[in-house]
Amino acid sequence: MIKKIILGICLSGTCCLSAQKMVSGVVFEDANENGKKERREKGVGKVAVTNGKEVVLTNKSGRYELPANEDMIISVIKPSGYVVATNPDNLPQFFREWSLPGNYLNRSILV
């Protein structure tokens, strides 16, 4: 069975007030395919997530943290055994656009 995954980005506390601004989130299995992380939906570990410069792997809970740039695209590299979620037009949704200091450019993109 192939499972769909979602790339989530925290809406609150995303950019820390430190010298290096960070963006964090979770990659999770969207069991009910509603695009929202729910308690029973588990995170997916060892998934590569990139901001276009750095690449990190999610931890066992599916969490990741990346340095935040002025304007960037955060994307996931699809792991084996999973498919990328699609939007209503059937277009693959494997990234989110991001702009400091934490404003979403597009909140509806799923992975």
N, C-alpha and C. Protein backbone atom coordinates (compact mmCIF):
# COMPACT_ATOMS: atom_id res chain seq x y z
N MET A 1 0.84 -1.18 0.00
CA MET A 1 0.00 0.00 0.00
C MET A 1 0.89 1.25 0.00
N ILE A 2 0.63 2.14 -0.92
CA ILE A 2 1.37 3.39 -0.99
C ILE A 2 0.63 4.43 -0.15
N LYS A 3 1.37 5.19 0.66
CA LYS A 3 0.79 6.16 1.57
C LYS A 3 1.12 7.57 1.13
N LYS A 4 0.22 8.52 1.43
CA LYS A 4 0.47 9.92 1.13
C LYS A 4 1.12 10.57 2.32
N ILE A 5 2.04 11.50 2.04
CA ILE A 5 2.67 12.27 3.11
C ILE A 5 2.41 13.74 2.91
N ILE A 6 2.49 14.47 4.02
CA ILE A 6 2.25 15.91 4.05
C ILE A 6 3.48 16.58 4.63
N LEU A 7 3.88 17.71 4.08
CA LEU A 7 4.94 18.55 4.63
C LEU A 7 4.27 19.68 5.38
N GLY A 8 4.43 19.70 6.69
CA GLY A 8 3.83 20.75 7.51
C GLY A 8 4.89 21.74 7.96
N ILE A 9 4.49 22.97 8.11
CA ILE A 9 5.38 24.00 8.63
C ILE A 9 4.65 24.66 9.78
N CYS A 10 5.33 24.80 10.91
CA CYS A 10 4.71 25.39 12.09
C CYS A 10 4.26 26.81 11.79
N LEU A 11 3.05 27.15 12.20
CA LEU A 11 2.54 28.50 12.02
C LEU A 11 2.98 29.42 13.14
N SER A 12 3.14 28.87 14.35
CA SER A 12 3.53 29.71 15.47
C SER A 12 4.94 29.36 15.92
N GLY A 13 5.69 30.34 16.29
CA GLY A 13 7.04 30.12 16.77
C GLY A 13 7.98 29.59 15.70
N THR A 14 7.68 29.84 14.46
CA THR A 14 8.49 29.30 13.38
C THR A 14 9.87 29.91 13.34
N CYS A 15 9.96 31.20 13.46
CA CYS A 15 11.26 31.86 13.43
C CYS A 15 11.66 32.27 14.83
N CYS A 16 12.77 31.76 15.26
CA CYS A 16 13.26 32.07 16.60
C CYS A 16 13.91 33.44 16.61
N LEU A 17 13.88 34.09 17.77
CA LEU A 17 14.54 35.39 17.91
C LEU A 17 16.00 35.15 18.28
N SER A 18 16.76 34.67 17.33
CA SER A 18 18.18 34.41 17.55
C SER A 18 18.94 34.92 16.34
N ALA A 19 20.26 34.77 16.38
CA ALA A 19 21.08 35.21 15.26
C ALA A 19 20.69 34.49 13.97
N GLN A 20 20.41 33.20 14.08
CA GLN A 20 20.00 32.42 12.91
C GLN A 20 18.51 32.12 13.00
N LYS A 21 17.75 32.62 12.07
CA LYS A 21 16.32 32.33 12.05
C LYS A 21 16.11 30.93 11.49
N MET A 22 15.17 30.20 12.08
CA MET A 22 14.92 28.81 11.70
C MET A 22 13.45 28.63 11.35
N VAL A 23 13.20 27.68 10.49
CA VAL A 23 11.84 27.26 10.18
C VAL A 23 11.76 25.78 10.53
N SER A 24 10.65 25.37 11.12
CA SER A 24 10.52 23.98 11.53
C SER A 24 9.14 23.47 11.16
N GLY A 25 9.02 22.16 11.15
CA GLY A 25 7.74 21.56 10.82
C GLY A 25 7.81 20.05 10.96
N VAL A 26 6.85 19.39 10.36
CA VAL A 26 6.76 17.94 10.47
C VAL A 26 6.30 17.35 9.14
N VAL A 27 6.87 16.21 8.79
CA VAL A 27 6.41 15.43 7.65
C VAL A 27 5.63 14.27 8.25
N PHE A 28 4.38 14.09 7.84
CA PHE A 28 3.56 13.06 8.45
C PHE A 28 2.71 12.32 7.42
N GLU A 29 2.29 11.14 7.83
CA GLU A 29 1.42 10.30 7.01
C GLU A 29 0.00 10.80 7.18
N ASP A 30 -0.62 11.24 6.12
CA ASP A 30 -1.97 11.79 6.17
C ASP A 30 -2.98 10.66 5.95
N ALA A 31 -3.23 9.88 7.00
CA ALA A 31 -4.06 8.67 6.89
C ALA A 31 -5.46 8.95 6.36
N ASN A 32 -6.08 10.04 6.79
CA ASN A 32 -7.45 10.34 6.34
C ASN A 32 -7.48 11.33 5.17
N GLU A 33 -6.30 11.71 4.68
CA GLU A 33 -6.15 12.58 3.51
C GLU A 33 -6.90 13.90 3.60
N ASN A 34 -6.91 14.50 4.83
CA ASN A 34 -7.57 15.80 4.98
C ASN A 34 -6.57 16.96 5.00
N GLY A 35 -5.27 16.66 4.89
CA GLY A 35 -4.25 17.70 4.83
C GLY A 35 -3.88 18.30 6.16
N LYS A 36 -4.37 17.75 7.27
CA LYS A 36 -4.08 18.27 8.61
C LYS A 36 -3.51 17.17 9.48
N LYS A 37 -2.51 17.52 10.29
CA LYS A 37 -1.92 16.54 11.22
C LYS A 37 -2.84 16.37 12.41
N GLU A 38 -3.19 15.13 12.66
CA GLU A 38 -4.02 14.80 13.81
C GLU A 38 -3.23 13.87 14.72
N ARG A 39 -3.63 13.78 15.97
CA ARG A 39 -2.88 13.00 16.97
C ARG A 39 -2.54 11.59 16.53
N ARG A 40 -3.45 10.93 15.89
CA ARG A 40 -3.23 9.53 15.52
C ARG A 40 -2.37 9.37 14.27
N GLU A 41 -2.08 10.47 13.58
CA GLU A 41 -1.26 10.40 12.37
C GLU A 41 0.21 10.55 12.74
N LYS A 42 0.98 9.54 12.38
CA LYS A 42 2.39 9.51 12.79
C LYS A 42 3.29 10.28 11.84
N GLY A 43 4.35 10.82 12.42
CA GLY A 43 5.37 11.48 11.63
C GLY A 43 6.20 10.44 10.90
N VAL A 44 6.85 10.86 9.82
CA VAL A 44 7.67 9.95 9.03
C VAL A 44 9.13 10.36 9.20
N GLY A 45 9.94 9.46 9.74
CA GLY A 45 11.34 9.72 9.98
C GLY A 45 12.21 9.48 8.76
N LYS A 46 13.39 10.08 8.79
CA LYS A 46 14.42 9.92 7.75
C LYS A 46 13.95 10.37 6.37
N VAL A 47 13.14 11.43 6.33
CA VAL A 47 12.71 12.02 5.06
C VAL A 47 13.55 13.27 4.83
N ALA A 48 14.11 13.42 3.64
CA ALA A 48 14.93 14.59 3.30
C ALA A 48 14.03 15.80 3.03
N VAL A 49 14.36 16.92 3.69
CA VAL A 49 13.64 18.18 3.51
C VAL A 49 14.71 19.23 3.20
N THR A 50 14.43 20.12 2.24
CA THR A 50 15.43 21.11 1.83
C THR A 50 14.83 22.51 1.73
N ASN A 51 15.69 23.50 1.93
CA ASN A 51 15.32 24.89 1.70
C ASN A 51 15.99 25.43 0.43
N GLY A 52 16.55 24.53 -0.36
CA GLY A 52 17.24 24.91 -1.59
C GLY A 52 18.74 25.06 -1.42
N LYS A 53 19.19 25.15 -0.17
CA LYS A 53 20.62 25.24 0.13
C LYS A 53 21.06 24.08 1.01
N GLU A 54 20.34 23.90 2.12
CA GLU A 54 20.65 22.83 3.06
C GLU A 54 19.61 21.72 2.93
N VAL A 55 20.04 20.51 3.25
CA VAL A 55 19.15 19.35 3.27
C VAL A 55 19.29 18.71 4.64
N VAL A 56 18.15 18.44 5.29
CA VAL A 56 18.16 17.75 6.58
C VAL A 56 17.23 16.55 6.50
N LEU A 57 17.42 15.62 7.42
CA LEU A 57 16.52 14.47 7.54
C LEU A 57 15.60 14.69 8.72
N THR A 58 14.34 14.28 8.59
CA THR A 58 13.41 14.37 9.70
C THR A 58 13.83 13.38 10.79
N ASN A 59 13.49 13.70 12.04
CA ASN A 59 13.78 12.78 13.13
C ASN A 59 12.73 11.67 13.15
N LYS A 60 12.78 10.78 14.13
CA LYS A 60 11.85 9.64 14.14
C LYS A 60 10.39 10.06 14.27
N SER A 61 10.15 11.30 14.75
CA SER A 61 8.78 11.82 14.86
C SER A 61 8.37 12.62 13.63
N GLY A 62 9.25 12.70 12.63
CA GLY A 62 8.95 13.44 11.41
C GLY A 62 9.27 14.92 11.48
N ARG A 63 9.87 15.38 12.59
CA ARG A 63 10.17 16.80 12.76
C ARG A 63 11.47 17.18 12.04
N TYR A 64 11.51 18.42 11.55
CA TYR A 64 12.72 18.95 10.92
C TYR A 64 12.88 20.41 11.31
N GLU A 65 14.10 20.92 11.13
CA GLU A 65 14.39 22.32 11.35
C GLU A 65 15.45 22.73 10.34
N LEU A 66 15.22 23.85 9.67
CA LEU A 66 16.12 24.36 8.64
C LEU A 66 16.38 25.84 8.85
N PRO A 67 17.55 26.34 8.46
CA PRO A 67 17.78 27.78 8.48
C PRO A 67 16.79 28.47 7.53
N ALA A 68 16.25 29.60 7.97
CA ALA A 68 15.29 30.35 7.17
C ALA A 68 16.01 31.43 6.38
N ASN A 69 15.69 31.53 5.12
CA ASN A 69 16.24 32.56 4.23
C ASN A 69 15.16 33.60 3.96
N GLU A 70 15.53 34.69 3.31
CA GLU A 70 14.58 35.77 3.03
C GLU A 70 13.32 35.26 2.34
N ASP A 71 13.46 34.67 1.20
CA ASP A 71 12.35 34.03 0.47
C ASP A 71 12.86 32.68 0.03
N MET A 72 12.14 31.64 0.31
CA MET A 72 12.62 30.31 -0.04
C MET A 72 11.46 29.36 -0.26
N ILE A 73 11.79 28.24 -0.82
CA ILE A 73 10.84 27.16 -1.01
C ILE A 73 11.34 25.98 -0.20
N ILE A 74 10.49 25.47 0.67
CA ILE A 74 10.83 24.28 1.45
C ILE A 74 10.16 23.11 0.76
N SER A 75 10.96 22.09 0.47
CA SER A 75 10.39 20.94 -0.24
C SER A 75 10.87 19.64 0.38
N VAL A 76 10.11 18.60 0.11
CA VAL A 76 10.41 17.27 0.61
C VAL A 76 10.85 16.40 -0.55
N ILE A 77 11.78 15.51 -0.29
CA ILE A 77 12.20 14.53 -1.29
C ILE A 77 11.46 13.25 -0.96
N LYS A 78 10.57 12.85 -1.84
CA LYS A 78 9.65 11.75 -1.59
C LYS A 78 10.39 10.46 -1.27
N PRO A 79 10.06 9.88 -0.09
CA PRO A 79 10.69 8.60 0.26
C PRO A 79 10.02 7.43 -0.45
N SER A 80 10.73 6.34 -0.57
CA SER A 80 10.19 5.12 -1.18
C SER A 80 8.96 4.65 -0.41
N GLY A 81 7.94 4.19 -1.11
CA GLY A 81 6.74 3.67 -0.48
C GLY A 81 5.67 4.72 -0.22
N TYR A 82 5.95 5.96 -0.60
CA TYR A 82 4.99 7.05 -0.40
C TYR A 82 4.72 7.74 -1.73
N VAL A 83 3.58 8.41 -1.81
CA VAL A 83 3.26 9.25 -2.97
C VAL A 83 3.08 10.68 -2.47
N VAL A 84 3.29 11.60 -3.35
CA VAL A 84 3.11 13.01 -3.03
C VAL A 84 1.63 13.33 -3.15
N ALA A 85 1.09 14.04 -2.17
CA ALA A 85 -0.32 14.45 -2.23
C ALA A 85 -0.53 15.37 -3.43
N THR A 86 -1.74 15.43 -3.90
CA THR A 86 -2.08 16.30 -5.03
C THR A 86 -3.18 17.28 -4.62
N ASN A 87 -3.27 18.38 -5.35
CA ASN A 87 -4.33 19.36 -5.08
C ASN A 87 -5.58 18.97 -5.88
N PRO A 88 -6.66 19.72 -5.78
CA PRO A 88 -7.89 19.37 -6.52
C PRO A 88 -7.71 19.30 -8.04
N ASP A 89 -6.67 19.96 -8.56
CA ASP A 89 -6.38 19.89 -10.00
C ASP A 89 -5.44 18.74 -10.34
N ASN A 90 -5.17 17.88 -9.35
CA ASN A 90 -4.32 16.70 -9.51
C ASN A 90 -2.84 17.05 -9.75
N LEU A 91 -2.42 18.23 -9.29
CA LEU A 91 -1.01 18.62 -9.41
C LEU A 91 -0.28 18.23 -8.14
N PRO A 92 0.93 17.64 -8.26
CA PRO A 92 1.68 17.23 -7.08
C PRO A 92 2.04 18.42 -6.20
N GLN A 93 1.95 18.22 -4.89
CA GLN A 93 2.20 19.28 -3.93
C GLN A 93 3.32 18.84 -2.99
N PHE A 94 4.55 19.15 -3.34
CA PHE A 94 5.69 18.69 -2.56
C PHE A 94 6.51 19.83 -1.95
N PHE A 95 5.96 21.05 -1.92
CA PHE A 95 6.71 22.18 -1.38
C PHE A 95 5.78 23.20 -0.76
N ARG A 96 6.38 24.11 0.00
CA ARG A 96 5.70 25.29 0.51
C ARG A 96 6.60 26.49 0.29
N GLU A 97 6.02 27.60 -0.11
CA GLU A 97 6.78 28.83 -0.26
C GLU A 97 6.83 29.52 1.10
N TRP A 98 7.94 30.14 1.41
CA TRP A 98 8.15 30.75 2.71
C TRP A 98 8.80 32.12 2.55
N SER A 99 8.41 33.08 3.36
CA SER A 99 9.00 34.41 3.34
C SER A 99 9.17 34.89 4.77
N LEU A 100 10.36 35.36 5.12
CA LEU A 100 10.58 35.90 6.47
C LEU A 100 9.77 37.17 6.65
N PRO A 101 9.31 37.50 7.81
CA PRO A 101 9.58 36.86 9.08
C PRO A 101 8.59 35.77 9.45
N GLY A 102 8.09 35.06 8.52
CA GLY A 102 7.20 33.95 8.84
C GLY A 102 5.87 34.04 8.14
N ASN A 103 5.81 34.77 7.06
CA ASN A 103 4.56 34.90 6.32
C ASN A 103 4.47 33.83 5.25
N TYR A 104 3.39 33.08 5.27
CA TYR A 104 3.17 32.09 4.21
C TYR A 104 2.84 32.81 2.92
N LEU A 105 3.43 32.33 1.84
CA LEU A 105 3.05 32.83 0.53
C LEU A 105 1.94 31.95 -0.04
N ASN A 106 1.87 30.71 0.42
CA ASN A 106 0.83 29.79 -0.02
C ASN A 106 0.61 28.78 1.09
N ARG A 107 -0.53 28.82 1.74
CA ARG A 107 -0.80 27.93 2.87
C ARG A 107 -1.42 26.62 2.48
N SER A 108 -1.81 26.43 1.23
CA SER A 108 -2.59 25.25 0.87
C SER A 108 -1.81 24.16 0.18
N ILE A 109 -0.50 24.25 0.14
CA ILE A 109 0.30 23.24 -0.58
C ILE A 109 0.60 22.07 0.34
N LEU A 110 0.28 20.88 -0.13
CA LEU A 110 0.46 19.66 0.63
C LEU A 110 1.53 18.79 0.00
N VAL A 111 2.07 17.90 0.80
CA VAL A 111 3.01 16.91 0.28
C VAL A 111 2.52 15.55 0.70
